[in-house]
Amino acid sequence: MKHLSFVICHLSFVICHAQDTVKVSTLAALEHNAERFYNSGTSKFAAKDFQGAIEDFNLALSVNPNFDKALYNRGIVKFEMKDVAGAIADYTQAIAVNDSCDLCYFSRGQVKYFSKDKTGAAADYGKTIQLNPTHAQAYYYRAGILFEEKEYKSAVEDFDKAIQLKPDYVYAYNDRGSAKRQLEDYNGAALDYKKAIELKPDFSFAQNNLGSVLRKNGNYKNAIIAYNNAIKVKESYLSYNNRGSARYDADDYKGAIEDFTKAIKMKMDYSIAYNNRGAAKFKLKDYKGAISDYDKAIELNSEYGYAYLNRGIAKELIRDQQGACKDWNDAVSMGIEQGKNYLQDCKK
């Protein structure tokens, strides 16, 4: 009996201990399962199995509803699946669980920006910076919003910070150059575009931008070289139109027409290129050809005030005074103040 009693006691002890262990082991098992589902979800996401990833993250969260990493990553997948509201909801829930998650604020800011909630996006970028002052992308994207809101000086300050944190931040150099350009700091803009090109030689957009500020400074020769480089990297209707504009400024009207024509071939509905080609034809005294291009520009964009102004000038030179006056009047109604100078002749 003593032996039996010992066994019972021992069993009782084991059972007691087992009860405690079951609780701990169950919790550990649950956490393990949550992690297992989470890891499986991240693997499926990497393989672009978005629906499978969502299902795994759901399973992880069914085990642990406060699993902030699973919430955050499910938000990423939902955004990939164009479920904007769902993504924001997941990031918001992750923040409720862990309000020091700078990545959660940043990612929610990205989704808000995508959904055109610039105010909400800027606030989230600001919170990201507050939590993590070394987050270069948060400064960069907040600067982009400031740029769009025409707050160029503040945008430059944020781009400055992004570049300080990430000295090889190619896009920050390019975009800071664009902000400086808006502030008419053309030399500073040119230096930023050149730095972007130095870091990324195949950055055709920066080459285009460099050409534009050089053109603003009247340096048409080097502007054309910059556009040439942009076209070598990647042909685009914008590059051809821009080079055509520089050639026009340099009095190379035939070369300008060639470029504007190439731009039109690449983008048949490009009203700006039709207007610009019309201006080059006008310079060569091909007034009817100019009017034909202005007609097309207006057909594509009935609110194109400068095309009306230019067409009016061409019409005057082919003795269509009535048509000219009508075009100038339309240009003025579209906010082209220059048209008023020509309308004075219509009153005589």
Protein backbone atom coordinates (compact mmCIF):
# COMPACT_ATOMS: atom_id res chain seq x y z
CA MET A 1 0.00 0.00 0.00
CA LYS A 2 2.85 2.32 0.70
CA HIS A 3 4.06 1.70 -2.75
CA LEU A 4 0.64 2.25 -4.17
CA SER A 5 0.27 5.35 -2.08
CA PHE A 6 3.58 6.58 -3.36
CA VAL A 7 2.53 5.88 -6.89
CA ILE A 8 -0.71 7.72 -6.42
CA CYS A 9 1.07 10.62 -4.82
CA HIS A 10 3.60 10.61 -7.56
CA LEU A 11 0.89 10.46 -10.15
CA SER A 12 -0.94 13.20 -8.37
CA PHE A 13 2.20 15.31 -8.44
CA VAL A 14 2.69 14.58 -12.11
CA ILE A 15 -0.91 15.40 -12.83
CA CYS A 16 -0.62 18.70 -10.95
CA HIS A 17 2.57 19.53 -12.72
CA ALA A 18 1.11 18.37 -15.99
CA GLN A 19 -1.81 20.79 -15.57
CA ASP A 20 0.59 23.70 -15.25
CA THR A 21 2.69 22.40 -18.11
CA VAL A 22 -0.32 21.95 -20.33
CA LYS A 23 -1.13 25.63 -19.95
CA VAL A 24 2.40 26.75 -20.74
CA SER A 25 2.81 24.24 -23.53
CA THR A 26 -0.54 25.19 -25.04
CA LEU A 27 0.45 28.86 -25.08
CA ALA A 28 3.82 28.00 -26.58
CA ALA A 29 2.13 25.77 -29.14
CA LEU A 30 -0.30 28.54 -30.04
CA GLU A 31 2.51 31.02 -30.47
CA HIS A 32 4.41 28.50 -32.52
CA ASN A 33 1.38 27.94 -34.74
CA ALA A 34 0.88 31.68 -35.18
CA GLU A 35 4.52 32.08 -36.20
CA ARG A 36 4.26 29.08 -38.51
CA PHE A 37 1.21 30.52 -40.28
CA TYR A 38 2.90 33.93 -40.39
CA ASN A 39 6.06 32.54 -41.98
CA SER A 40 4.02 30.59 -44.48
CA GLY A 41 2.13 33.78 -45.35
CA THR A 42 5.32 35.73 -45.98
CA SER A 43 6.62 32.91 -48.20
CA LYS A 44 3.41 32.88 -50.22
CA PHE A 45 3.52 36.65 -50.56
CA ALA A 46 7.08 36.42 -51.92
CA ALA A 47 5.78 33.87 -54.44
CA LYS A 48 2.95 36.30 -55.35
CA ASP A 49 0.31 33.92 -54.02
CA PHE A 50 -1.57 36.81 -52.47
CA GLN A 51 -4.77 34.97 -51.64
CA GLY A 52 -2.80 32.17 -49.98
CA ALA A 53 -0.83 34.73 -48.01
CA ILE A 54 -4.05 36.38 -46.78
CA GLU A 55 -5.41 33.01 -45.67
CA ASP A 56 -2.23 32.24 -43.72
CA PHE A 57 -2.14 35.64 -42.06
CA ASN A 58 -5.81 35.16 -41.15
CA LEU A 59 -4.92 31.86 -39.50
CA ALA A 60 -2.04 33.49 -37.61
CA LEU A 61 -4.40 36.20 -36.37
CA SER A 62 -7.08 33.70 -35.43
CA VAL A 63 -4.50 32.25 -33.04
CA ASN A 64 -3.12 35.61 -31.92
CA PRO A 65 -5.39 38.59 -32.74
CA ASN A 66 -2.72 41.01 -31.49
CA PHE A 67 0.02 39.70 -33.79
CA ASP A 68 1.10 43.11 -35.10
CA LYS A 69 3.53 41.73 -37.70
CA ALA A 70 0.76 39.61 -39.21
CA LEU A 71 -1.56 42.64 -39.30
CA TYR A 72 1.13 44.76 -40.92
CA ASN A 73 1.98 42.17 -43.56
CA ARG A 74 -1.65 41.40 -44.28
CA GLY A 75 -2.06 45.12 -44.93
CA ILE A 76 0.77 44.95 -47.47
CA VAL A 77 -0.89 42.03 -49.27
CA LYS A 78 -4.29 43.73 -49.26
CA PHE A 79 -2.77 46.80 -50.86
CA GLU A 80 -1.20 44.61 -53.54
CA MET A 81 -4.68 43.23 -54.14
CA LYS A 82 -6.05 46.80 -54.47
CA ASP A 83 -8.02 46.50 -51.22
CA VAL A 84 -7.15 50.00 -50.07
CA ALA A 85 -9.69 50.21 -47.24
CA GLY A 86 -8.66 46.79 -45.96
CA ALA A 87 -4.98 47.73 -46.02
CA ILE A 88 -5.60 50.94 -44.07
CA ALA A 89 -7.72 49.02 -41.56
CA ASP A 90 -4.93 46.49 -40.99
CA TYR A 91 -2.26 49.15 -40.55
CA THR A 92 -4.52 51.03 -38.17
CA GLN A 93 -5.13 47.88 -36.12
CA ALA A 94 -1.38 47.13 -36.07
CA ILE A 95 -0.77 50.66 -34.76
CA ALA A 96 -3.41 50.11 -32.06
CA VAL A 97 -1.47 47.03 -30.95
CA ASN A 98 1.95 48.67 -31.28
CA ASP A 99 1.88 52.46 -31.56
CA SER A 100 5.67 52.62 -31.90
CA CYS A 101 5.60 50.81 -35.26
CA ASP A 102 7.10 53.42 -37.57
CA LEU A 103 6.75 51.10 -40.58
CA CYS A 104 3.02 50.81 -39.90
CA TYR A 105 2.60 54.58 -40.03
CA PHE A 106 4.78 54.86 -43.13
CA SER A 107 2.95 52.13 -45.02
CA ARG A 108 -0.43 53.55 -44.05
CA GLY A 109 0.81 56.90 -45.32
CA GLN A 110 1.71 55.30 -48.65
CA VAL A 111 -1.75 53.83 -49.02
CA LYS A 112 -3.41 57.11 -48.02
CA TYR A 113 -1.34 58.95 -50.60
CA PHE A 114 -2.37 56.38 -53.22
CA SER A 115 -6.01 57.01 -52.31
CA LYS A 116 -5.41 60.78 -52.67
CA ASP A 117 -5.64 61.52 -48.95
CA LYS A 118 -2.58 63.77 -48.97
CA THR A 119 -3.34 65.31 -45.59
CA GLY A 120 -3.60 61.90 -43.94
CA ALA A 121 -0.50 60.68 -45.75
CA ALA A 122 1.56 63.71 -44.65
CA ALA A 123 0.45 63.18 -41.05
CA ASP A 124 1.53 59.53 -41.17
CA TYR A 125 4.89 60.43 -42.70
CA GLY A 126 5.32 62.98 -39.92
CA LYS A 127 4.54 60.36 -37.29
CA THR A 128 7.03 58.01 -38.94
CA ILE A 129 9.71 60.68 -38.68
CA GLN A 130 8.80 61.35 -35.05
CA LEU A 131 9.25 57.66 -34.21
CA ASN A 132 12.25 57.15 -36.48
CA PRO A 133 14.13 60.36 -37.41
CA THR A 134 16.42 58.34 -39.72
CA HIS A 135 13.62 57.24 -42.05
CA ALA A 136 14.81 58.85 -45.30
CA GLN A 137 11.79 57.72 -47.34
CA ALA A 138 9.35 59.41 -44.97
CA TYR A 139 11.11 62.73 -45.54
CA TYR A 140 11.19 62.09 -49.29
CA TYR A 141 7.50 61.30 -49.65
CA ARG A 142 6.43 64.13 -47.36
CA ALA A 143 8.55 66.43 -49.53
CA GLY A 144 6.66 65.15 -52.57
CA ILE A 145 3.36 66.19 -51.02
CA LEU A 146 4.77 69.60 -50.11
CA PHE A 147 5.91 69.97 -53.73
CA GLU A 148 2.44 69.15 -55.01
CA GLU A 149 1.00 71.72 -52.62
CA LYS A 150 3.46 74.27 -54.06
CA GLU A 151 5.30 74.61 -50.74
CA TYR A 152 8.63 74.43 -52.52
CA LYS A 153 10.90 75.78 -49.77
CA SER A 154 9.56 73.27 -47.26
CA ALA A 155 9.86 70.55 -49.88
CA VAL A 156 13.54 71.41 -50.40
CA GLU A 157 14.11 71.16 -46.63
CA ASP A 158 12.62 67.65 -46.52
CA PHE A 159 14.57 66.58 -49.62
CA ASP A 160 17.69 67.94 -47.90
CA LYS A 161 17.02 65.71 -44.92
CA ALA A 162 16.36 62.66 -47.08
CA ILE A 163 19.67 63.20 -48.87
CA GLN A 164 21.57 63.72 -45.61
CA LEU A 165 20.26 60.37 -44.40
CA LYS A 166 20.76 58.64 -47.74
CA PRO A 167 23.51 60.37 -49.77
CA ASP A 168 22.88 58.18 -52.84
CA TYR A 169 19.14 58.91 -52.93
CA VAL A 170 18.87 59.45 -56.69
CA TYR A 171 15.21 60.40 -56.81
CA ALA A 172 15.58 62.87 -53.95
CA TYR A 173 18.27 64.73 -55.92
CA ASN A 174 16.08 64.81 -59.02
CA ASP A 175 12.99 65.97 -57.17
CA ARG A 176 14.90 68.54 -55.10
CA GLY A 177 16.14 69.88 -58.41
CA SER A 178 12.54 70.25 -59.56
CA ALA A 179 11.62 72.11 -56.36
CA LYS A 180 14.59 74.44 -56.83
CA ARG A 181 13.51 74.96 -60.42
CA GLN A 182 10.11 76.13 -59.20
CA LEU A 183 11.94 78.57 -56.92
CA GLU A 184 13.86 79.77 -60.01
CA ASP A 185 17.13 78.51 -58.56
CA TYR A 186 18.16 77.13 -61.94
CA ASN A 187 21.83 76.70 -61.10
CA GLY A 188 20.99 74.76 -57.94
CA ALA A 189 18.47 72.68 -59.89
CA ALA A 190 21.06 71.88 -62.57
CA LEU A 191 23.55 70.71 -59.92
CA ASP A 192 20.92 68.38 -58.42
CA TYR A 193 19.98 66.92 -61.79
CA LYS A 194 23.66 66.37 -62.60
CA LYS A 195 24.14 64.56 -59.29
CA ALA A 196 21.15 62.34 -60.02
CA ILE A 197 22.61 61.52 -63.44
CA GLU A 198 26.02 60.84 -61.90
CA LEU A 199 24.42 58.32 -59.55
CA LYS A 200 22.18 56.83 -62.25
CA PRO A 201 23.54 57.48 -65.77
CA ASP A 202 20.50 55.88 -67.42
CA PHE A 203 18.09 58.24 -65.62
CA SER A 204 16.51 59.75 -68.73
CA PHE A 205 14.00 61.79 -66.74
CA ALA A 206 16.82 63.63 -64.95
CA GLN A 207 18.50 64.23 -68.31
CA ASN A 208 15.25 65.78 -69.53
CA ASN A 209 15.00 67.94 -66.44
CA LEU A 210 18.59 69.08 -66.80
CA GLY A 211 17.87 70.07 -70.39
CA SER A 212 14.87 72.11 -69.23
CA VAL A 213 16.79 74.19 -66.67
CA LEU A 214 19.67 74.72 -69.11
CA ARG A 215 17.10 75.95 -71.61
CA LYS A 216 15.68 78.28 -68.95
CA ASN A 217 19.17 79.73 -68.54
CA GLY A 218 19.44 80.24 -72.29
CA ASN A 219 22.09 77.53 -72.64
CA TYR A 220 20.41 75.93 -75.64
CA LYS A 221 23.48 74.06 -76.89
CA ASN A 222 23.95 72.11 -73.66
CA ALA A 223 20.20 71.72 -73.25
CA ILE A 224 20.11 69.94 -76.61
CA ILE A 225 23.01 67.73 -75.49
CA ALA A 226 21.08 66.80 -72.33
CA TYR A 227 18.00 65.93 -74.40
CA ASN A 228 20.20 63.92 -76.77
CA ASN A 229 21.42 61.90 -73.79
CA ALA A 230 17.86 61.37 -72.59
CA ILE A 231 16.83 60.09 -76.01
CA LYS A 232 19.85 57.74 -76.16
CA VAL A 233 18.74 56.18 -72.89
CA LYS A 234 15.07 56.02 -73.81
CA GLU A 235 13.14 57.55 -76.69
CA SER A 236 10.01 59.33 -75.54
CA TYR A 237 7.60 61.88 -76.96
CA LEU A 238 8.51 64.22 -74.08
CA SER A 239 12.22 64.12 -74.92
CA TYR A 240 11.57 64.83 -78.59
CA ASN A 241 9.17 67.65 -77.76
CA ASN A 242 11.65 69.16 -75.33
CA ARG A 243 14.57 68.92 -77.71
CA GLY A 244 12.37 70.43 -80.39
CA SER A 245 11.64 73.35 -78.06
CA ALA A 246 15.37 73.89 -77.44
CA ARG A 247 16.04 73.78 -81.18
CA TYR A 248 13.24 76.27 -81.71
CA ASP A 249 14.83 78.59 -79.14
CA ALA A 250 18.16 78.18 -80.94
CA ASP A 251 16.45 79.25 -84.22
CA ASP A 252 16.77 75.74 -85.73
CA TYR A 253 13.18 75.62 -86.92
CA LYS A 254 13.60 72.73 -89.34
CA GLY A 255 15.24 70.62 -86.65
CA ALA A 256 12.46 71.63 -84.27
CA ILE A 257 9.80 70.49 -86.76
CA GLU A 258 11.56 67.14 -87.11
CA ASP A 259 11.49 66.62 -83.35
CA PHE A 260 7.89 67.75 -82.90
CA THR A 261 6.88 65.39 -85.70
CA LYS A 262 8.65 62.50 -83.95
CA ALA A 263 6.83 63.38 -80.73
CA ILE A 264 3.49 63.35 -82.57
CA LYS A 265 4.25 59.97 -84.15
CA MET A 266 4.86 58.56 -80.69
CA LYS A 267 1.76 60.22 -79.21
CA MET A 268 -0.87 61.11 -81.79
CA ASP A 269 -3.03 63.05 -79.31
CA TYR A 270 -0.17 65.26 -78.06
CA SER A 271 -1.73 68.70 -78.50
CA ILE A 272 1.37 70.54 -77.19
CA ALA A 273 3.56 69.11 -79.94
CA TYR A 274 1.02 70.18 -82.60
CA ASN A 275 1.01 73.71 -81.20
CA ASN A 276 4.81 73.77 -81.04
CA ARG A 277 5.19 72.45 -84.57
CA GLY A 278 2.74 75.11 -85.70
CA ALA A 279 4.94 77.76 -84.07
CA ALA A 280 8.03 76.43 -85.91
CA LYS A 281 6.14 76.40 -89.23
CA PHE A 282 5.03 79.96 -88.54
CA LYS A 283 8.69 81.00 -88.15
CA LEU A 284 9.37 79.51 -91.59
CA LYS A 285 6.40 81.54 -92.93
CA ASP A 286 4.36 78.41 -93.61
CA TYR A 287 1.24 80.07 -92.22
CA LYS A 288 -1.28 77.60 -93.64
CA GLY A 289 0.74 74.68 -92.31
CA ALA A 290 0.91 76.43 -88.95
CA ILE A 291 -2.86 76.97 -88.88
CA SER A 292 -3.40 73.28 -89.70
CA ASP A 293 -1.32 72.30 -86.67
CA TYR A 294 -3.06 74.81 -84.43
CA ASP A 295 -6.41 73.42 -85.65
CA LYS A 296 -5.31 69.95 -84.57
CA ALA A 297 -4.06 71.16 -81.20
CA ILE A 298 -7.44 72.83 -80.55
CA GLU A 299 -9.33 69.78 -81.78
CA LEU A 300 -7.46 67.71 -79.19
CA ASN A 301 -7.77 70.33 -76.44
CA SER A 302 -10.56 72.85 -76.88
CA GLU A 303 -9.27 74.85 -73.88
CA TYR A 304 -5.77 75.34 -75.27
CA GLY A 305 -5.57 79.13 -74.99
CA TYR A 306 -2.11 79.56 -76.50
CA ALA A 307 -3.10 77.58 -79.58
CA TYR A 308 -6.00 80.02 -80.13
CA LEU A 309 -3.64 82.97 -79.66
CA ASN A 310 -1.10 81.56 -82.11
CA ARG A 311 -3.71 80.60 -84.65
CA GLY A 312 -5.11 84.10 -84.52
CA ILE A 313 -1.69 85.58 -85.31
CA ALA A 314 -1.29 83.21 -88.27
CA LYS A 315 -4.80 83.96 -89.53
CA GLU A 316 -4.07 87.68 -89.49
CA LEU A 317 -1.11 87.10 -91.79
CA ILE A 318 -3.30 85.31 -94.36
CA ARG A 319 -5.77 88.22 -94.19
CA ASP A 320 -8.42 86.39 -92.14
CA GLN A 321 -8.95 89.27 -89.72
CA GLN A 322 -12.38 88.10 -88.56
CA GLY A 323 -11.06 84.64 -87.76
CA ALA A 324 -8.03 86.15 -86.03
CA CYS A 325 -10.16 88.37 -83.80
CA LYS A 326 -12.37 85.47 -82.82
CA ASP A 327 -9.33 83.37 -81.87
CA TRP A 328 -7.80 86.17 -79.82
CA ASN A 329 -11.10 86.74 -78.04
CA ASP A 330 -11.28 83.01 -77.23
CA ALA A 331 -7.68 83.10 -75.98
CA VAL A 332 -8.48 85.98 -73.61
CA SER A 333 -11.55 84.14 -72.32
CA MET A 334 -9.18 81.27 -71.44
CA GLY A 335 -6.92 83.52 -69.40
CA ILE A 336 -4.29 84.40 -72.03
CA GLU A 337 -3.82 88.09 -71.24
CA GLN A 338 -1.50 88.58 -74.21
CA GLY A 339 -4.51 88.24 -76.46
CA LYS A 340 -5.78 91.64 -75.32
CA ASN A 341 -2.89 93.34 -77.13
CA TYR A 342 -4.04 91.83 -80.42
CA LEU A 343 -7.71 92.52 -79.79
CA GLN A 344 -6.99 96.24 -79.87
CA ASP A 345 -6.62 95.93 -83.65
CA CYS A 346 -10.04 94.30 -83.83
CA LYS A 347 -11.72 97.38 -82.32
CA LYS A 348 -10.46 99.71 -85.04
